[in-house]
């Protein structure tokens, strides 16, 4: 009798993003009374960066869009200034990835315009563009900035052409693009770059997906699948794959995954539902997560992409009764890492004249000691200790891990270009310049950093520093004494220097007014304590080395 051994494997896969959930912003954190466009054009109509939210608006007698500071939430003034230099409806807007105060727009008036946004709040309408690009013969529907080269802009219109513009010139009106790609036979519905910008993928109304060398103007790969009518296409980072959304031959909404080197047959085809709204895909190359949103839907489906079968792994779905007309997303450098936020959408809800931020968060538990200290801190600030006697998530507060989560925040693309426009046009390819999202690390911002006082810890004597650090980390009761009862007039210059961490004075700051401000203070204090512990360890090593040298000197002097 033979016994057959059966192997069992679980039906689920282990993933740190398995329990990611979506969290909509509260009413006061939304942007209300925004006159969102009624255009039926299939586009995002929203662009976001760490400073501004830009949204296409309804406007009589031409096209316009709003640029709202990210922190200016609540009701919008009906007379808020607009950018209104176009003679036709604005169809697409995109922020320059390397300059947070430059935005490009395209319109039904056949022009593409590049605008400079002032650093101060807008007081009057802006009608004069920094640059005007004239080359298309019909309305322009899509624009894309190059992901690694500065001042390179792509545009495509209803004349079936893709034009490449070099903005690194002094002329305010540019009539001739540096390159024109004109082999498409119908309207181009989507454009997407690979990581270093050497390849461009397009989805066309002729149902074909093309992978193009934009500088040579040649087609490298072409897909023509009759069972999948493509609307949007997306490069999946460095995974050598493409993702497209569209409809099946039965008019079901569908997503398809393709091998970049062979577009003859899709690797995976998955039907979503029978709704008619267009599907917008968004891919996070840092976490390998794919988000799929439908126009007219309120839900956000998200998946994890893997390099092995089954390639497409469904995670969860964020549900909302409020349908979106358009969508914007925040770059990674603008996320709140203290709350383990890995993606943030800005939903355009025209029925309520509302822009609603939705954060995708990875839940992480806190330690008991951290929870106790948070309770004490909240108790001192306003008597909210009862909030922390329940679960880690309560009253809208989501307590995350006490430390920076390096596993969910790898190095990401920063705000510094890897190439100049001329270098890219000459044939050079480089990946994006990476940056860390760790608090206190050097962030390559699009603005020069503000002058910040530096803490002169290196100038402090080791013994004094060790005594002070030991007082801080010795036990919670001593931390409470140092934190609460030190007054500004009782501290000397050295104390003021030690109180500074990453440009933030933990002693001089005003008391928190909201739960979010309180948690931000709490996380910064934890980071400060962790930094001081590391500094203490370094000083201990130096002290031991000095003690060893002194011992050796004594032994040498004893011999003589």
Protein backbone atom coordinates (compact mmCIF):
# COMPACT_ATOMS: atom_id res chain seq x y z
CA UNK A 1 0.00 0.00 0.00
CA UNK A 2 1.48 3.29 -1.07
CA UNK A 3 0.85 6.47 0.90
CA UNK A 4 0.67 9.66 -1.11
CA UNK A 5 1.88 12.75 0.73
CA UNK A 6 -0.15 15.81 -0.04
CA UNK A 7 1.47 19.23 0.19
CA UNK A 8 -0.61 22.10 1.45
CA UNK A 9 0.01 25.74 0.75
CA UNK A 10 -1.98 28.66 2.13
CA UNK A 11 -4.37 30.51 -0.19
CA UNK A 12 -3.13 33.89 0.99
CA UNK A 13 0.27 35.50 0.65
CA UNK A 14 2.19 37.35 3.31
CA UNK A 15 2.36 41.10 2.70
CA UNK A 16 3.09 44.12 4.89
CA UNK A 17 0.41 45.98 2.90
CA UNK A 18 -2.32 43.39 3.36
CA UNK A 19 -4.20 45.55 5.88
CA UNK A 20 -3.78 48.97 4.26
CA UNK A 21 -6.92 51.03 4.76
CA UNK A 22 -8.24 54.30 3.40
CA UNK A 23 -9.08 57.20 5.68
CA UNK A 24 -11.05 60.19 4.41
CA UNK A 25 -10.17 63.61 5.83
CA UNK A 26 -12.57 65.29 8.21
CA UNK A 27 -14.84 68.04 6.93
CA UNK A 28 -12.56 70.84 8.14
CA UNK A 29 -9.60 69.24 6.30
CA UNK A 30 -11.44 69.21 2.96
CA UNK A 31 -11.67 71.98 0.37
CA UNK A 32 -15.27 73.18 0.18
CA UNK A 33 -17.21 75.41 -2.24
CA UNK A 34 -14.85 74.63 -5.17
CA UNK A 35 -16.51 75.15 -8.60
CA UNK A 36 -15.26 71.92 -10.20
CA UNK A 37 -15.41 71.72 -14.00
CA UNK A 38 -18.36 70.04 -15.73
CA UNK A 39 -16.24 68.99 -18.72
CA UNK A 40 -16.87 65.46 -19.99
CA UNK A 41 -13.24 65.04 -21.06
CA UNK A 42 -11.73 61.89 -19.50
CA UNK A 43 -8.92 63.32 -17.41
CA UNK A 44 -7.86 63.88 -13.80
CA UNK A 45 -8.64 67.63 -13.68
CA UNK A 46 -6.51 67.87 -10.51
CA UNK A 47 -2.78 68.14 -9.79
CA UNK A 48 -1.15 68.21 -6.34
CA UNK A 49 2.30 68.89 -4.91
CA UNK A 50 3.49 69.52 -1.32
CA UNK A 51 2.59 73.21 -1.62
CA UNK A 52 -0.54 73.48 -3.78
CA UNK A 53 -3.70 71.77 -4.97
CA UNK A 54 -4.62 72.77 -8.54
CA UNK A 55 -8.07 71.99 -9.92
CA UNK A 56 -9.78 72.81 -13.22
CA UNK A 57 -12.89 74.91 -12.61
CA UNK A 58 -16.06 75.85 -14.43
CA UNK A 59 -15.61 79.21 -16.13
CA UNK A 60 -17.57 81.23 -18.65
CA UNK A 61 -15.74 82.78 -21.57
CA UNK A 62 -12.57 80.67 -21.58
CA UNK A 63 -10.77 78.18 -19.41
CA UNK A 64 -9.43 78.55 -15.88
CA UNK A 65 -8.08 76.62 -12.95
CA UNK A 66 -7.51 77.28 -9.26
CA UNK A 67 -4.27 76.96 -7.32
CA UNK A 68 -5.03 76.53 -3.61
CA UNK A 69 -2.35 76.24 -0.89
CA UNK A 70 -2.41 72.73 0.60
CA UNK A 71 -2.96 74.04 4.13
CA UNK A 72 -5.79 76.39 3.13
CA UNK A 73 -8.65 73.98 3.81
CA UNK A 74 -12.29 74.76 4.54
CA UNK A 75 -14.62 76.96 2.50
CA UNK A 76 -13.12 78.69 -0.51
CA UNK A 77 -13.81 82.35 -1.17
CA UNK A 78 -16.05 82.56 -4.28
CA UNK A 79 -13.85 85.44 -5.53
CA UNK A 80 -10.61 83.50 -5.05
CA UNK A 81 -8.12 84.43 -7.84
CA UNK A 82 -7.74 82.05 -10.78
CA UNK A 83 -5.28 81.28 -13.54
CA UNK A 84 -7.37 82.19 -16.57
CA UNK A 85 -5.22 82.85 -19.64
CA UNK A 86 -6.73 80.20 -21.95
CA UNK A 87 -9.45 81.05 -24.51
CA UNK A 88 -10.95 77.54 -24.36
CA UNK A 89 -11.69 74.95 -21.68
CA UNK A 90 -8.65 73.66 -19.80
CA UNK A 91 -8.33 69.90 -20.37
CA UNK A 92 -5.22 68.96 -18.36
CA UNK A 93 -2.86 70.44 -15.75
CA UNK A 94 0.44 69.07 -14.43
CA UNK A 95 2.95 70.40 -11.87
CA UNK A 96 6.62 70.51 -12.75
CA UNK A 97 8.15 67.64 -10.71
CA UNK A 98 11.29 69.71 -10.04
CA UNK A 99 9.71 73.09 -9.25
CA UNK A 100 6.66 73.26 -7.01
CA UNK A 101 5.83 76.76 -8.29
CA UNK A 102 5.62 75.94 -12.02
CA UNK A 103 2.54 74.34 -13.59
CA UNK A 104 1.65 73.51 -17.20
CA UNK A 105 -1.84 73.49 -18.71
CA UNK A 106 -3.36 72.59 -22.07
CA UNK A 107 -6.65 73.65 -23.58
CA UNK A 108 -9.19 73.42 -26.34
CA UNK A 109 -7.64 76.60 -27.79
CA UNK A 110 -4.79 74.38 -29.18
CA UNK A 111 -2.16 75.91 -26.87
CA UNK A 112 0.00 74.67 -24.00
CA UNK A 113 0.97 77.24 -21.38
CA UNK A 114 3.47 77.19 -18.52
CA UNK A 115 2.73 79.34 -15.48
CA UNK A 116 4.80 80.70 -12.60
CA UNK A 117 2.87 80.65 -9.33
CA UNK A 118 3.95 83.37 -6.84
CA UNK A 119 5.28 82.26 -3.46
CA UNK A 120 2.81 84.50 -1.66
CA UNK A 121 -0.97 84.02 -1.71
CA UNK A 122 -2.70 85.01 -4.95
CA UNK A 123 -4.39 88.41 -4.80
CA UNK A 124 -5.44 88.85 -8.45
CA UNK A 125 -6.13 86.63 -11.43
CA UNK A 126 -3.10 85.50 -13.44
CA UNK A 127 -3.55 85.92 -17.18
CA UNK A 128 0.04 86.12 -18.49
CA UNK A 129 1.85 82.80 -18.87
CA UNK A 130 5.60 82.40 -18.51
CA UNK A 131 5.74 80.39 -21.76
CA UNK A 132 3.25 79.64 -24.52
CA UNK A 133 3.70 76.62 -26.79
CA UNK A 134 2.13 76.85 -30.25
CA UNK A 135 2.34 73.82 -32.50
CA UNK A 136 -0.85 71.79 -32.35
CA UNK A 137 -3.55 72.36 -34.94
CA UNK A 138 -6.40 70.98 -32.83
CA UNK A 139 -7.24 70.94 -29.12
CA UNK A 140 -4.58 69.58 -26.78
CA UNK A 141 -5.84 66.88 -24.41
CA UNK A 142 -2.79 65.58 -22.50
CA UNK A 143 0.53 66.88 -21.15
CA UNK A 144 3.32 65.07 -19.26
CA UNK A 145 6.60 66.29 -17.76
CA UNK A 146 9.68 64.15 -18.24
CA UNK A 147 10.38 62.25 -14.98
CA UNK A 148 14.17 62.83 -14.78
CA UNK A 149 15.14 65.66 -17.18
CA UNK A 150 14.38 69.27 -16.35
CA UNK A 151 12.26 71.49 -18.62
CA UNK A 152 11.16 68.72 -21.01
CA UNK A 153 7.40 68.67 -21.63
CA UNK A 154 5.34 66.29 -23.79
CA UNK A 155 1.96 67.22 -25.25
CA UNK A 156 -0.56 65.40 -27.42
CA UNK A 157 -3.77 66.57 -29.03
CA UNK A 158 -6.62 65.70 -31.35
CA UNK A 159 -4.29 66.17 -34.32
CA UNK A 160 -2.88 62.70 -33.40
CA UNK A 161 0.61 64.12 -32.75
CA UNK A 162 2.97 63.96 -29.76
CA UNK A 163 5.20 67.01 -29.46
CA UNK A 164 8.34 67.27 -27.30
CA UNK A 165 9.13 70.76 -26.02
CA UNK A 166 12.37 72.10 -24.60
CA UNK A 167 11.46 74.90 -22.17
CA UNK A 168 15.09 75.69 -21.38
CA UNK A 169 15.05 78.72 -23.66
CA UNK A 170 14.60 82.47 -23.20
CA UNK A 171 11.70 82.79 -25.67
CA UNK A 172 8.28 83.26 -24.10
CA UNK A 173 6.51 81.93 -27.20
CA UNK A 174 7.80 78.64 -28.67
CA UNK A 175 6.33 77.67 -32.03
CA UNK A 176 8.51 74.70 -32.97
CA UNK A 177 8.91 71.55 -30.82
CA UNK A 178 12.24 69.74 -30.75
CA UNK A 179 10.54 66.53 -31.92
CA UNK A 180 7.15 65.54 -33.33
CA UNK A 181 5.87 61.96 -33.28
CA UNK A 182 3.08 61.54 -35.83
CA UNK A 183 2.48 57.85 -36.61
CA UNK A 184 -0.65 57.45 -34.44
CA UNK A 185 -3.84 57.00 -36.43
CA UNK A 186 -6.32 58.24 -33.83
CA UNK A 187 -6.61 60.26 -30.62
CA UNK A 188 -4.02 59.39 -27.96
CA UNK A 189 -5.81 58.65 -24.68
CA UNK A 190 -2.88 58.12 -22.31
CA UNK A 191 0.89 58.58 -21.99
CA UNK A 192 3.28 57.07 -19.43
CA UNK A 193 7.07 57.08 -18.97
CA UNK A 194 9.29 54.35 -17.63
CA UNK A 195 11.48 55.13 -14.62
CA UNK A 196 14.36 56.88 -16.42
CA UNK A 197 12.19 58.43 -19.14
CA UNK A 198 13.87 56.58 -22.00
CA UNK A 199 10.61 54.92 -23.12
CA UNK A 200 7.09 56.25 -23.58
CA UNK A 201 3.96 54.07 -23.61
CA UNK A 202 0.79 55.33 -25.29
CA UNK A 203 -2.80 54.11 -25.44
CA UNK A 204 -4.70 55.15 -28.56
CA UNK A 205 -8.35 55.14 -29.57
CA UNK A 206 -7.40 52.66 -32.32
CA UNK A 207 -7.19 50.10 -29.42
CA UNK A 208 -3.41 49.77 -29.68
CA UNK A 209 -0.74 50.05 -26.98
CA UNK A 210 2.61 51.29 -28.25
CA UNK A 211 6.02 51.46 -26.56
CA UNK A 212 7.99 54.26 -28.18
CA UNK A 213 11.54 55.55 -28.16
CA UNK A 214 10.60 59.26 -27.90
CA UNK A 215 13.94 60.66 -29.08
CA UNK A 216 14.15 58.44 -32.15
CA UNK A 217 10.40 58.58 -32.76
CA UNK A 218 10.17 54.83 -33.43
CA UNK A 219 7.79 52.14 -32.20
CA UNK A 220 9.56 49.37 -30.27
CA UNK A 221 6.52 47.27 -29.31
CA UNK A 222 2.86 47.31 -30.29
CA UNK A 223 -0.15 45.48 -28.85
CA UNK A 224 -3.42 45.01 -30.68
CA UNK A 225 -5.65 42.75 -28.60
CA UNK A 226 -9.25 42.53 -29.80
CA UNK A 227 -10.47 41.26 -26.41
CA UNK A 228 -9.19 44.34 -24.56
CA UNK A 229 -10.14 47.87 -25.65
CA UNK A 230 -7.55 50.03 -23.91
CA UNK A 231 -8.19 53.48 -22.40
CA UNK A 232 -5.23 54.09 -20.05
CA UNK A 233 -1.73 52.60 -19.92
CA UNK A 234 0.91 52.76 -17.20
CA UNK A 235 4.54 51.69 -16.83
CA UNK A 236 5.04 49.68 -13.62
CA UNK A 237 8.35 51.15 -12.47
CA UNK A 238 11.36 48.86 -12.98
CA UNK A 239 9.30 45.66 -13.16
CA UNK A 240 9.47 45.55 -16.99
CA UNK A 241 5.69 45.42 -17.15
CA UNK A 242 2.83 47.57 -18.37
CA UNK A 243 -0.68 47.85 -16.98
CA UNK A 244 -3.68 48.97 -18.98
CA UNK A 245 -7.31 49.64 -18.14
CA UNK A 246 -10.18 49.42 -20.58
CA UNK A 247 -13.15 47.24 -21.44
CA UNK A 248 -13.59 43.64 -22.53
CA UNK A 249 -15.53 42.51 -25.59
CA UNK A 250 -18.55 42.13 -23.25
CA UNK A 251 -18.21 45.78 -22.13
CA UNK A 252 -17.01 44.87 -18.65
CA UNK A 253 -14.40 47.16 -17.15
CA UNK A 254 -11.09 45.36 -17.25
CA UNK A 255 -7.42 45.66 -16.25
CA UNK A 256 -4.64 43.86 -18.11
CA UNK A 257 -0.98 43.24 -17.30
CA UNK A 258 1.60 43.06 -20.10
CA UNK A 259 5.23 42.04 -20.48
CA UNK A 260 7.15 45.09 -21.68
CA UNK A 261 9.22 42.98 -24.08
CA UNK A 262 6.28 41.06 -25.60
CA UNK A 263 2.92 42.78 -26.06
CA UNK A 264 1.39 40.04 -28.19
CA UNK A 265 -0.66 38.51 -25.33
CA UNK A 266 -1.42 39.99 -21.89
CA UNK A 267 -0.04 38.17 -18.87
CA UNK A 268 -3.23 38.71 -16.87
CA UNK A 269 -6.71 39.98 -17.70
CA UNK A 270 -9.13 40.67 -14.88
CA UNK A 271 -12.71 41.86 -15.23
CA UNK A 272 -13.75 44.42 -12.63
CA UNK A 273 -17.49 45.10 -13.06
CA UNK A 274 -20.08 46.20 -15.58
CA UNK A 275 -20.00 49.93 -14.86
CA UNK A 276 -19.37 52.40 -17.65
CA UNK A 277 -17.00 54.89 -15.96
CA UNK A 278 -13.39 55.13 -17.10
CA UNK A 279 -10.78 53.44 -14.86
CA UNK A 280 -7.81 55.53 -13.67
CA UNK A 281 -4.74 53.48 -12.60
CA UNK A 282 -2.08 54.80 -10.18
CA UNK A 283 1.11 52.90 -9.38
CA UNK A 284 3.46 53.37 -6.43
CA UNK A 285 6.84 51.98 -7.48
CA UNK A 286 8.18 52.18 -3.89
CA UNK A 287 5.58 49.80 -2.43
CA UNK A 288 4.61 48.02 -5.72
CA UNK A 289 0.98 48.87 -5.04
CA UNK A 290 -1.57 49.57 -7.75
CA UNK A 291 -4.64 51.72 -7.10
CA UNK A 292 -7.60 51.64 -9.49
CA UNK A 293 -10.33 54.29 -9.35
CA UNK A 294 -13.37 54.62 -11.56
CA UNK A 295 -14.81 57.85 -12.88
CA UNK A 296 -18.23 58.17 -11.28
CA UNK A 297 -17.34 55.65 -8.56
CA UNK A 298 -16.63 56.33 -4.92
CA UNK A 299 -14.44 53.27 -4.37
CA UNK A 300 -10.70 52.72 -4.59
CA UNK A 301 -9.45 49.18 -5.28
CA UNK A 302 -5.83 48.41 -4.54
CA UNK A 303 -3.54 45.56 -5.50
CA UNK A 304 0.05 44.48 -4.97
CA UNK A 305 2.13 43.74 -8.06
CA UNK A 306 4.64 40.88 -7.87
CA UNK A 307 7.25 39.69 -10.36
CA UNK A 308 5.94 36.10 -10.24
CA UNK A 309 2.56 34.56 -10.92
CA UNK A 310 -0.22 35.49 -10.31
CA UNK A 311 1.40 38.97 -10.72
CA UNK A 312 -1.75 40.84 -9.64
CA UNK A 313 -2.72 40.32 -5.99
CA UNK A 314 -5.92 41.92 -4.75
CA UNK A 315 -5.61 43.53 -1.30
CA UNK A 316 -8.72 45.47 -0.36
CA UNK A 317 -11.17 48.15 -1.38
CA UNK A 318 -11.89 51.58 0.07
CA UNK A 319 -15.61 52.32 -0.17
CA UNK A 320 -17.29 55.71 -0.24
CA UNK A 321 -20.78 56.81 -1.31
CA UNK A 322 -19.41 60.02 -2.86
CA UNK A 323 -18.54 59.57 -6.57
CA UNK A 324 -15.45 61.28 -7.99
CA UNK A 325 -15.26 63.11 -11.31
CA UNK A 326 -11.48 63.52 -11.19
CA UNK A 327 -8.57 62.65 -8.96
CA UNK A 328 -5.19 63.99 -7.90
CA UNK A 329 -2.43 62.44 -5.81
CA UNK A 330 0.29 63.79 -3.54
CA UNK A 331 3.95 63.01 -4.37
CA UNK A 332 5.68 60.82 -1.78
CA UNK A 333 7.72 63.74 -0.39
CA UNK A 334 4.48 65.41 0.72
CA UNK A 335 3.10 62.49 2.78
CA UNK A 336 2.79 62.28 6.56
CA UNK A 337 5.27 59.54 7.48
CA UNK A 338 4.50 59.85 11.21
CA UNK A 339 1.06 58.33 10.59
CA UNK A 340 2.41 55.64 8.18
CA UNK A 341 0.67 57.25 5.20
CA UNK A 342 1.86 55.65 1.94
CA UNK A 343 -0.42 57.36 -0.59
CA UNK A 344 -2.89 60.25 -0.64
CA UNK A 345 -5.64 60.95 -3.15
CA UNK A 346 -7.61 64.15 -3.67
CA UNK A 347 -11.10 63.25 -4.90
CA UNK A 348 -13.09 65.81 -6.89
CA UNK A 349 -16.74 65.54 -5.85
CA UNK A 350 -18.73 68.01 -8.01
CA UNK A 351 -22.10 67.12 -6.45
CA UNK A 352 -20.89 68.71 -3.18
CA UNK A 353 -18.37 71.17 -4.70
CA UNK A 354 -15.80 69.37 -2.57
CA UNK A 355 -12.19 68.17 -2.78
CA UNK A 356 -11.76 65.33 -0.30
CA UNK A 357 -8.30 63.99 0.64
CA UNK A 358 -8.17 60.22 1.22
CA UNK A 359 -5.05 58.79 2.91
CA UNK A 360 -3.91 55.19 2.48
CA UNK A 361 -2.40 54.09 5.78
CA UNK A 362 -0.43 51.03 6.90
CA UNK A 363 -1.57 50.13 10.44
CA UNK A 364 1.31 49.67 12.89
CA UNK A 365 0.95 48.99 16.63
CA UNK A 366 2.65 51.05 19.31
CA UNK A 367 4.52 49.70 22.33
CA UNK A 368 2.99 49.79 25.82
CA UNK A 369 5.64 52.21 27.12
CA UNK A 370 4.99 54.57 24.22
CA UNK A 371 1.26 54.36 24.84
CA UNK A 372 1.77 55.21 28.50
CA UNK A 373 3.98 58.18 27.68
CA UNK A 374 1.46 59.38 25.08
CA UNK A 375 -1.25 59.15 27.70
CA UNK A 376 0.80 61.23 30.14
CA UNK A 377 1.55 63.79 27.42
CA UNK A 378 -2.10 64.09 26.48
CA UNK A 379 -3.09 64.30 30.13
CA UNK A 380 -0.70 67.20 30.70
CA UNK A 381 -1.92 68.94 27.53
CA UNK A 382 -5.64 68.77 28.12
CA UNK A 383 -6.81 65.90 30.25
CA UNK A 384 -7.41 63.48 27.37
CA UNK A 385 -5.92 60.43 29.07
CA UNK A 386 -9.22 58.53 28.85
CA UNK A 387 -8.75 58.37 25.05
CA UNK A 388 -5.75 56.07 25.49
CA UNK A 389 -7.33 53.51 27.80
CA UNK A 390 -9.01 51.89 24.84
CA UNK A 391 -7.62 50.48 21.59
CA UNK A 392 -4.75 52.14 19.70
CA UNK A 393 -7.31 53.65 17.31
CA UNK A 394 -9.90 55.83 19.01
CA UNK A 395 -11.70 59.13 18.55
CA UNK A 396 -10.18 59.54 15.10
CA UNK A 397 -6.61 59.10 16.40
CA UNK A 398 -4.55 56.39 14.71
CA UNK A 399 -1.49 55.69 16.82
CA UNK A 400 1.33 54.38 14.70
CA UNK A 401 4.75 53.02 15.49
CA UNK A 402 7.11 55.10 17.62
CA UNK A 403 9.89 55.01 15.01
CA UNK A 404 10.30 55.76 11.34
CA UNK A 405 9.08 52.77 9.32
CA UNK A 406 11.97 52.21 6.96
CA UNK A 407 10.46 49.06 5.45
CA UNK A 408 7.49 50.95 3.97
CA UNK A 409 9.44 54.11 3.06
CA UNK A 410 12.39 53.17 0.82
CA UNK A 411 14.38 55.84 -0.98
CA UNK A 412 12.05 57.65 -3.37
CA UNK A 413 12.26 60.14 -6.23
CA UNK A 414 13.11 63.63 -5.02
CA UNK A 415 12.69 67.13 -6.43
CA UNK A 416 16.08 67.37 -8.16
CA UNK A 417 16.45 66.53 -11.86
CA UNK A 418 19.00 63.93 -12.88
CA UNK A 419 19.61 65.49 -16.32
CA UNK A 420 19.37 68.81 -18.06
CA UNK A 421 17.13 69.13 -21.09
CA UNK A 422 20.08 69.18 -23.46
CA UNK A 423 21.67 66.10 -21.89
CA UNK A 424 18.49 64.08 -22.35
CA UNK A 425 18.01 65.28 -25.92
CA UNK A 426 21.62 64.25 -26.62
CA UNK A 427 20.84 60.65 -25.64
CA UNK A 428 21.74 60.38 -21.94
CA UNK A 429 19.58 58.31 -19.58
CA UNK A 430 19.60 58.47 -15.79
CA UNK A 431 17.26 57.26 -13.11
CA UNK A 432 15.64 59.73 -10.70
CA UNK A 433 17.67 61.34 -7.91
CA UNK A 434 16.52 59.59 -4.75
CA UNK A 435 15.83 61.01 -1.30
CA UNK A 436 14.89 59.63 2.11
CA UNK A 437 11.57 60.43 3.77
CA UNK A 438 13.04 60.01 7.27
CA UNK A 439 12.20 63.07 9.41
CA UNK A 440 15.25 65.30 9.76
CA UNK A 441 17.00 63.92 6.68
CA UNK A 442 18.06 66.22 3.87
CA UNK A 443 15.04 66.74 1.63
CA UNK A 444 15.88 67.97 -1.86
CA UNK A 445 13.09 70.52 -2.00
CA UNK A 446 12.25 72.70 -4.96
CA UNK A 447 12.89 75.78 -2.81
CA UNK A 448 16.10 76.82 -1.07
CA UNK A 449 15.93 75.78 2.59
CA UNK A 450 15.08 78.39 5.16
CA UNK A 451 17.92 79.34 7.53
CA UNK A 452 17.68 77.15 10.62
CA UNK A 453 19.74 77.45 13.77
CA UNK A 454 22.00 74.47 14.30
CA UNK A 455 22.25 72.83 17.66
CA UNK A 456 25.83 73.13 18.86
CA UNK A 457 25.90 69.73 20.50
CA UNK A 458 29.42 69.01 19.31
CA UNK A 459 30.69 72.04 21.22
CA UNK A 460 29.26 70.77 24.50
CA UNK A 461 31.67 69.03 26.81
CA UNK A 462 31.21 65.22 26.93
CA UNK A 463 30.64 65.07 30.67
CA UNK A 464 27.99 67.79 30.65
CA UNK A 465 26.28 66.26 27.64
CA UNK A 466 26.25 62.79 29.15
CA UNK A 467 24.76 64.16 32.36
CA UNK A 468 22.02 65.98 30.52
CA UNK A 469 21.20 63.06 28.20
CA UNK A 470 21.20 60.68 31.14
CA UNK A 471 18.71 62.98 32.87
CA UNK A 472 16.46 62.87 29.81
CA UNK A 473 16.44 59.11 29.19
CA UNK A 474 16.88 57.88 32.76
CA UNK A 475 13.20 57.20 33.51
CA UNK A 476 9.78 58.63 32.58
CA UNK A 477 9.41 60.65 35.79
CA UNK A 478 12.59 62.61 35.04
CA UNK A 479 11.39 63.16 31.46
CA UNK A 480 8.16 64.59 32.80
CA UNK A 481 10.02 66.97 35.11
CA UNK A 482 12.35 68.21 32.37
CA UNK A 483 9.53 68.54 29.81
CA UNK A 484 6.93 70.31 31.90
CA UNK A 485 8.61 72.44 34.52
CA UNK A 486 11.42 74.05 32.60
CA UNK A 487 10.43 77.64 31.85
CA UNK A 488 11.91 79.83 29.19
CA UNK A 489 13.26 82.40 31.63
CA UNK A 490 15.00 79.73 33.70
CA UNK A 491 17.01 78.32 30.80
CA UNK A 492 20.35 79.48 29.59
CA UNK A 493 21.75 79.64 26.06
CA UNK A 494 23.01 76.05 26.18
CA UNK A 495 19.59 74.75 27.15
CA UNK A 496 18.01 76.63 24.27
CA UNK A 497 20.48 75.08 21.82
CA UNK A 498 19.83 71.57 23.10
CA UNK A 499 16.08 72.13 22.76
CA UNK A 500 16.36 72.50 19.01
CA UNK A 501 15.78 69.40 16.88
CA UNK A 502 15.57 69.62 13.09
CA UNK A 503 14.68 73.30 13.36
CA UNK A 504 11.90 72.63 15.88
CA UNK A 505 12.14 74.02 19.43
CA UNK A 506 10.43 71.50 21.67
CA UNK A 507 10.39 73.96 24.58
CA UNK A 508 9.31 77.17 22.86
CA UNK A 509 6.44 75.64 20.86
CA UNK A 510 2.92 76.61 21.87
CA UNK A 511 0.68 73.99 23.47
CA UNK A 512 -1.12 71.78 20.93
CA UNK A 513 -4.65 72.80 20.01
CA UNK A 514 -5.76 69.66 18.17
CA UNK A 515 -5.20 65.92 18.50
CA UNK A 516 -3.14 65.86 15.31
CA UNK A 517 -0.80 68.61 16.56
CA UNK A 518 -0.41 66.73 19.83
CA UNK A 519 0.56 63.52 18.06
CA UNK A 520 3.01 65.43 15.85
CA UNK A 521 4.67 66.83 18.98
CA UNK A 522 4.75 63.40 20.51
CA UNK A 523 6.45 61.81 17.46
CA UNK A 524 9.04 64.59 17.29
CA UNK A 525 9.83 64.15 20.98
CA UNK A 526 10.37 60.42 20.41
CA UNK A 527 12.69 61.15 17.49
CA UNK A 528 14.63 63.61 19.68
CA UNK A 529 15.03 61.04 22.46
CA UNK A 530 16.20 58.44 19.96
CA UNK A 531 18.75 60.86 18.50
CA UNK A 532 20.09 61.73 21.94
CA UNK A 533 20.44 58.04 22.79
CA UNK A 534 22.53 57.47 19.68
CA UNK A 535 24.64 60.50 20.58
CA UNK A 536 25.12 59.17 24.10
CA UNK A 537 26.37 55.83 22.77
CA UNK A 538 28.92 57.64 20.60
CA UNK A 539 30.13 59.70 23.57
CA UNK A 540 30.41 56.57 25.72
CA UNK A 541 32.65 54.97 23.10
CA UNK A 542 34.85 58.09 23.02
CA UNK A 543 35.09 58.13 26.82
CA UNK A 544 36.13 54.49 26.92
CA UNK A 545 38.82 55.16 24.33
CA UNK A 546 40.15 58.08 26.37
CA UNK A 547 40.14 56.01 29.56
CA UNK A 548 42.08 53.30 27.76
CA UNK A 549 44.65 55.82 26.51
CA UNK A 550 45.04 57.27 30.02
CA UNK A 551 45.55 53.76 31.42
CA UNK A 552 48.21 53.03 28.80
CA UNK A 553 49.99 56.30 29.57
CA UNK A 554 50.03 55.49 33.29
CA UNK A 555 51.45 52.04 32.60
CA UNK A 556 54.14 53.53 30.36
CA UNK A 557 55.08 56.14 33.00
CA UNK A 558 55.22 53.43 35.72
CA UNK A 559 57.81 51.49 33.77
CA UNK A 560 60.22 54.40 33.85
